[in-house]
Amino acid sequence: MKPASGERKRDILINGLELNELHRFDWLMAESYGLECRIANYKGTRSIGLWRWDIDCLVETIESVLDDPEFYRSHKTPGYLAIKALRDRLEIEGKALYAEITGKH
C-alpha cells in the first residue's frame, strides 16, 4: 500500500503486558503485508512506526479477540484490560492520523 500525500507514520510505544498480549495474536495478522512479523519481532524497547492501515489492522485484530471467550473468558483479567487499553490508544492514534490527511479535526 502506498501512503497518501502528506501521510506519516505514527511512532507508538507498546510494552509490558500490552505487548505480551499483542504477541499472543500476531498470527491473526497473516494477511497484513508483514505487520505480523514486525509485531512478532518487536521487543517494546523503542517506539514502533505504524502507518494508518497498520493501526487499523491492529485495532481490528484486537477487537476480534476481545469478545471471544476462547481468548478472554473474563473481562476483568489484567491481560484483557491491557489489550483493551491498547486498542483504545490505537483507535485514538488512528483517528488522529486520518484527521491529519483529510483535514477533518
N, C-alpha and C. Protein backbone atom coordinates (compact mmCIF):
# COMPACT_ATOMS: atom_id res chain seq x y z
N MET A 1 0.85 -1.16 0.00
CA MET A 1 0.00 0.00 0.00
C MET A 1 0.90 1.23 0.00
N LYS A 2 0.53 2.22 -0.77
CA LYS A 2 1.32 3.43 -0.88
C LYS A 2 0.69 4.53 -0.02
N PRO A 3 1.51 5.24 0.77
CA PRO A 3 0.96 6.31 1.60
C PRO A 3 0.39 7.45 0.77
N ALA A 4 -0.68 8.04 1.28
CA ALA A 4 -1.26 9.20 0.63
C ALA A 4 -0.34 10.39 0.81
N SER A 5 -0.53 11.41 0.00
CA SER A 5 0.28 12.60 0.12
C SER A 5 0.13 13.19 1.52
N GLY A 6 1.25 13.43 2.16
CA GLY A 6 1.25 14.00 3.50
C GLY A 6 1.02 13.01 4.62
N GLU A 7 0.83 11.73 4.27
CA GLU A 7 0.60 10.73 5.31
C GLU A 7 1.92 10.34 5.96
N ARG A 8 1.91 10.20 7.26
CA ARG A 8 3.12 9.89 8.02
C ARG A 8 2.87 8.70 8.95
N LYS A 9 3.98 8.06 9.30
CA LYS A 9 3.91 7.01 10.31
C LYS A 9 3.73 7.65 11.68
N ARG A 10 3.14 6.90 12.57
CA ARG A 10 2.99 7.34 13.96
C ARG A 10 3.87 6.42 14.80
N ASP A 11 4.74 7.01 15.60
CA ASP A 11 5.58 6.23 16.50
C ASP A 11 4.82 5.95 17.78
N ILE A 12 4.68 4.68 18.09
CA ILE A 12 3.89 4.25 19.24
C ILE A 12 4.73 3.26 20.05
N LEU A 13 4.78 3.48 21.35
CA LEU A 13 5.47 2.55 22.23
C LEU A 13 4.46 1.58 22.81
N ILE A 14 4.74 0.32 22.60
CA ILE A 14 3.91 -0.75 23.15
C ILE A 14 4.85 -1.64 23.96
N ASN A 15 4.58 -1.78 25.24
CA ASN A 15 5.45 -2.64 26.04
C ASN A 15 4.67 -3.25 27.19
N GLY A 16 5.36 -3.97 28.02
CA GLY A 16 4.73 -4.59 29.18
C GLY A 16 3.65 -5.58 28.80
N LEU A 17 2.60 -5.58 29.60
CA LEU A 17 1.51 -6.53 29.40
C LEU A 17 0.78 -6.29 28.08
N GLU A 18 0.69 -5.03 27.64
CA GLU A 18 0.08 -4.76 26.33
C GLU A 18 0.81 -5.51 25.24
N LEU A 19 2.13 -5.46 25.26
CA LEU A 19 2.92 -6.14 24.23
C LEU A 19 2.82 -7.66 24.37
N ASN A 20 2.85 -8.15 25.59
CA ASN A 20 2.72 -9.60 25.79
C ASN A 20 1.40 -10.10 25.21
N GLU A 21 0.33 -9.38 25.48
CA GLU A 21 -0.97 -9.79 24.95
C GLU A 21 -1.01 -9.67 23.43
N LEU A 22 -0.45 -8.60 22.89
CA LEU A 22 -0.45 -8.42 21.43
C LEU A 22 0.33 -9.54 20.76
N HIS A 23 1.43 -9.96 21.35
CA HIS A 23 2.22 -11.06 20.79
C HIS A 23 1.41 -12.36 20.71
N ARG A 24 0.46 -12.54 21.60
CA ARG A 24 -0.38 -13.74 21.55
C ARG A 24 -1.17 -13.83 20.26
N PHE A 25 -1.42 -12.68 19.62
CA PHE A 25 -2.33 -12.64 18.48
C PHE A 25 -1.67 -12.21 17.18
N ASP A 26 -0.33 -12.18 17.13
CA ASP A 26 0.32 -11.75 15.89
C ASP A 26 0.00 -12.69 14.73
N TRP A 27 -0.28 -13.94 15.02
CA TRP A 27 -0.63 -14.91 13.97
C TRP A 27 -1.94 -14.56 13.27
N LEU A 28 -2.79 -13.75 13.90
CA LEU A 28 -4.05 -13.35 13.28
C LEU A 28 -3.86 -12.26 12.22
N MET A 29 -2.65 -11.72 12.12
CA MET A 29 -2.36 -10.65 11.17
C MET A 29 -1.68 -11.17 9.91
N ALA A 30 -1.90 -12.41 9.57
CA ALA A 30 -1.18 -13.06 8.47
C ALA A 30 -1.38 -12.37 7.12
N GLU A 31 -2.47 -11.68 6.92
CA GLU A 31 -2.76 -11.03 5.64
C GLU A 31 -2.38 -9.55 5.65
N SER A 32 -1.46 -9.14 6.50
CA SER A 32 -1.23 -7.71 6.72
C SER A 32 0.10 -7.20 6.15
N TYR A 33 0.62 -7.81 5.11
CA TYR A 33 1.81 -7.32 4.41
C TYR A 33 3.01 -7.13 5.34
N GLY A 34 3.28 -8.11 6.18
CA GLY A 34 4.48 -8.08 7.01
C GLY A 34 4.30 -7.51 8.40
N LEU A 35 3.13 -6.98 8.71
CA LEU A 35 2.91 -6.43 10.04
C LEU A 35 3.05 -7.51 11.10
N GLU A 36 2.58 -8.71 10.81
CA GLU A 36 2.68 -9.78 11.80
C GLU A 36 4.12 -10.07 12.19
N CYS A 37 5.03 -10.02 11.21
CA CYS A 37 6.45 -10.24 11.50
C CYS A 37 7.03 -9.07 12.29
N ARG A 38 6.64 -7.86 11.94
CA ARG A 38 7.13 -6.69 12.67
C ARG A 38 6.68 -6.75 14.12
N ILE A 39 5.43 -7.13 14.35
CA ILE A 39 4.92 -7.23 15.72
C ILE A 39 5.59 -8.39 16.45
N ALA A 40 5.73 -9.53 15.78
CA ALA A 40 6.36 -10.69 16.42
C ALA A 40 7.80 -10.39 16.84
N ASN A 41 8.50 -9.59 16.05
CA ASN A 41 9.90 -9.26 16.35
C ASN A 41 10.05 -8.03 17.25
N TYR A 42 8.99 -7.31 17.47
CA TYR A 42 9.04 -6.08 18.25
C TYR A 42 9.24 -6.40 19.72
N LYS A 43 10.22 -5.74 20.33
CA LYS A 43 10.58 -6.00 21.73
C LYS A 43 10.03 -4.97 22.70
N GLY A 44 9.55 -3.84 22.21
CA GLY A 44 8.97 -2.83 23.09
C GLY A 44 9.98 -1.92 23.77
N THR A 45 11.22 -1.94 23.31
CA THR A 45 12.22 -1.07 23.92
C THR A 45 12.21 0.32 23.30
N ARG A 46 11.80 0.41 22.05
CA ARG A 46 11.65 1.69 21.35
C ARG A 46 10.28 1.73 20.70
N SER A 47 9.89 2.91 20.30
CA SER A 47 8.61 3.05 19.60
C SER A 47 8.66 2.33 18.26
N ILE A 48 7.52 1.86 17.83
CA ILE A 48 7.39 1.23 16.52
C ILE A 48 6.63 2.19 15.61
N GLY A 49 7.12 2.37 14.39
CA GLY A 49 6.45 3.24 13.43
C GLY A 49 5.33 2.49 12.73
N LEU A 50 4.12 3.02 12.84
CA LEU A 50 2.95 2.37 12.25
C LEU A 50 2.23 3.33 11.31
N TRP A 51 1.89 2.83 10.14
CA TRP A 51 1.05 3.57 9.21
C TRP A 51 -0.39 3.45 9.67
N ARG A 52 -1.25 4.27 9.13
CA ARG A 52 -2.68 4.25 9.48
C ARG A 52 -3.27 2.87 9.26
N TRP A 53 -2.94 2.23 8.15
CA TRP A 53 -3.51 0.91 7.86
C TRP A 53 -2.95 -0.16 8.79
N ASP A 54 -1.71 0.02 9.30
CA ASP A 54 -1.18 -0.90 10.31
C ASP A 54 -2.01 -0.79 11.59
N ILE A 55 -2.29 0.45 11.97
CA ILE A 55 -3.09 0.70 13.17
C ILE A 55 -4.49 0.11 13.00
N ASP A 56 -5.08 0.31 11.83
CA ASP A 56 -6.41 -0.26 11.56
C ASP A 56 -6.38 -1.79 11.70
N CYS A 57 -5.35 -2.41 11.19
CA CYS A 57 -5.23 -3.87 11.28
C CYS A 57 -5.10 -4.30 12.74
N LEU A 58 -4.29 -3.60 13.50
CA LEU A 58 -4.13 -3.95 14.91
C LEU A 58 -5.44 -3.79 15.67
N VAL A 59 -6.15 -2.70 15.41
CA VAL A 59 -7.43 -2.47 16.09
C VAL A 59 -8.41 -3.59 15.74
N GLU A 60 -8.50 -3.93 14.46
CA GLU A 60 -9.42 -5.00 14.03
C GLU A 60 -9.04 -6.34 14.66
N THR A 61 -7.76 -6.63 14.71
CA THR A 61 -7.29 -7.88 15.30
C THR A 61 -7.66 -7.93 16.78
N ILE A 62 -7.39 -6.85 17.49
CA ILE A 62 -7.69 -6.82 18.92
C ILE A 62 -9.20 -6.94 19.15
N GLU A 63 -9.99 -6.22 18.35
CA GLU A 63 -11.45 -6.29 18.52
C GLU A 63 -11.97 -7.70 18.28
N SER A 64 -11.33 -8.43 17.38
CA SER A 64 -11.80 -9.78 17.08
C SER A 64 -11.57 -10.74 18.24
N VAL A 65 -10.62 -10.44 19.12
CA VAL A 65 -10.36 -11.34 20.24
C VAL A 65 -10.96 -10.87 21.55
N LEU A 66 -11.31 -9.59 21.66
CA LEU A 66 -11.80 -9.07 22.93
C LEU A 66 -13.06 -9.76 23.43
N ASP A 67 -13.99 -10.06 22.54
CA ASP A 67 -15.24 -10.68 22.96
C ASP A 67 -15.28 -12.18 22.69
N ASP A 68 -14.13 -12.75 22.36
CA ASP A 68 -14.08 -14.18 22.10
C ASP A 68 -13.71 -14.92 23.38
N PRO A 69 -14.63 -15.70 23.93
CA PRO A 69 -14.34 -16.40 25.19
C PRO A 69 -13.20 -17.40 25.08
N GLU A 70 -12.84 -17.77 23.86
CA GLU A 70 -11.68 -18.65 23.68
C GLU A 70 -10.41 -17.96 24.17
N PHE A 71 -10.35 -16.64 24.01
CA PHE A 71 -9.17 -15.89 24.41
C PHE A 71 -9.33 -15.23 25.77
N TYR A 72 -10.50 -14.69 26.04
CA TYR A 72 -10.74 -13.99 27.30
C TYR A 72 -12.08 -14.40 27.88
N ARG A 73 -12.04 -15.30 28.83
CA ARG A 73 -13.28 -15.74 29.49
C ARG A 73 -13.83 -14.66 30.41
N SER A 74 -12.93 -13.87 30.99
CA SER A 74 -13.34 -12.80 31.89
C SER A 74 -12.86 -11.47 31.35
N HIS A 75 -13.68 -10.45 31.49
CA HIS A 75 -13.31 -9.11 31.05
C HIS A 75 -12.65 -8.32 32.18
N LYS A 76 -12.26 -9.03 33.23
CA LYS A 76 -11.63 -8.37 34.37
C LYS A 76 -10.18 -8.79 34.57
N THR A 77 -9.68 -9.66 33.71
CA THR A 77 -8.30 -10.11 33.87
C THR A 77 -7.33 -9.01 33.44
N PRO A 78 -6.13 -9.00 34.00
CA PRO A 78 -5.14 -7.99 33.61
C PRO A 78 -4.82 -8.02 32.11
N GLY A 79 -4.76 -9.21 31.52
CA GLY A 79 -4.49 -9.31 30.09
C GLY A 79 -5.57 -8.67 29.24
N TYR A 80 -6.82 -8.94 29.58
CA TYR A 80 -7.93 -8.34 28.86
C TYR A 80 -7.91 -6.83 28.98
N LEU A 81 -7.71 -6.33 30.18
CA LEU A 81 -7.69 -4.88 30.41
C LEU A 81 -6.54 -4.22 29.67
N ALA A 82 -5.39 -4.90 29.60
CA ALA A 82 -4.22 -4.34 28.90
C ALA A 82 -4.46 -4.26 27.40
N ILE A 83 -4.98 -5.33 26.80
CA ILE A 83 -5.18 -5.33 25.35
C ILE A 83 -6.32 -4.38 24.97
N LYS A 84 -7.31 -4.24 25.83
CA LYS A 84 -8.39 -3.28 25.59
C LYS A 84 -7.85 -1.85 25.65
N ALA A 85 -6.98 -1.58 26.61
CA ALA A 85 -6.36 -0.25 26.72
C ALA A 85 -5.52 0.05 25.49
N LEU A 86 -4.80 -0.96 24.99
CA LEU A 86 -4.01 -0.78 23.77
C LEU A 86 -4.93 -0.49 22.60
N ARG A 87 -6.02 -1.23 22.48
CA ARG A 87 -6.97 -0.97 21.40
C ARG A 87 -7.49 0.46 21.45
N ASP A 88 -7.81 0.93 22.65
CA ASP A 88 -8.32 2.29 22.82
C ASP A 88 -7.27 3.32 22.40
N ARG A 89 -6.02 3.10 22.80
CA ARG A 89 -4.93 4.01 22.40
C ARG A 89 -4.74 4.03 20.90
N LEU A 90 -4.75 2.84 20.29
CA LEU A 90 -4.56 2.74 18.84
C LEU A 90 -5.70 3.39 18.08
N GLU A 91 -6.92 3.26 18.57
CA GLU A 91 -8.06 3.91 17.93
C GLU A 91 -7.88 5.43 17.91
N ILE A 92 -7.43 5.98 19.01
CA ILE A 92 -7.19 7.43 19.09
C ILE A 92 -6.11 7.84 18.10
N GLU A 93 -5.02 7.09 18.04
CA GLU A 93 -3.93 7.41 17.11
C GLU A 93 -4.40 7.29 15.67
N GLY A 94 -5.18 6.25 15.37
CA GLY A 94 -5.69 6.06 14.01
C GLY A 94 -6.60 7.19 13.58
N LYS A 95 -7.47 7.63 14.47
CA LYS A 95 -8.36 8.75 14.16
C LYS A 95 -7.56 10.04 13.95
N ALA A 96 -6.52 10.23 14.75
CA ALA A 96 -5.69 11.43 14.60
C ALA A 96 -4.96 11.41 13.25
N LEU A 97 -4.45 10.26 12.85
CA LEU A 97 -3.78 10.15 11.56
C LEU A 97 -4.76 10.41 10.42
N TYR A 98 -5.95 9.86 10.53
CA TYR A 98 -6.96 10.08 9.49
C TYR A 98 -7.32 11.56 9.40
N ALA A 99 -7.45 12.21 10.54
CA ALA A 99 -7.78 13.63 10.56
C ALA A 99 -6.66 14.45 9.93
N GLU A 100 -5.43 14.06 10.11
CA GLU A 100 -4.30 14.77 9.51
C GLU A 100 -4.35 14.76 7.99
N ILE A 101 -4.67 13.59 7.42
CA ILE A 101 -4.65 13.51 5.96
C ILE A 101 -5.92 14.05 5.31
N THR A 102 -7.02 14.03 6.05
CA THR A 102 -8.27 14.53 5.46
C THR A 102 -8.53 15.99 5.82
N GLY A 103 -7.82 16.49 6.83
CA GLY A 103 -8.03 17.86 7.26
C GLY A 103 -9.25 18.03 8.14
N LYS A 104 -9.85 16.90 8.55
CA LYS A 104 -11.03 16.95 9.42
C LYS A 104 -10.57 16.72 10.85
N HIS A 105 -10.64 17.74 11.64
CA HIS A 105 -10.18 17.62 13.04
C HIS A 105 -11.30 17.57 13.97
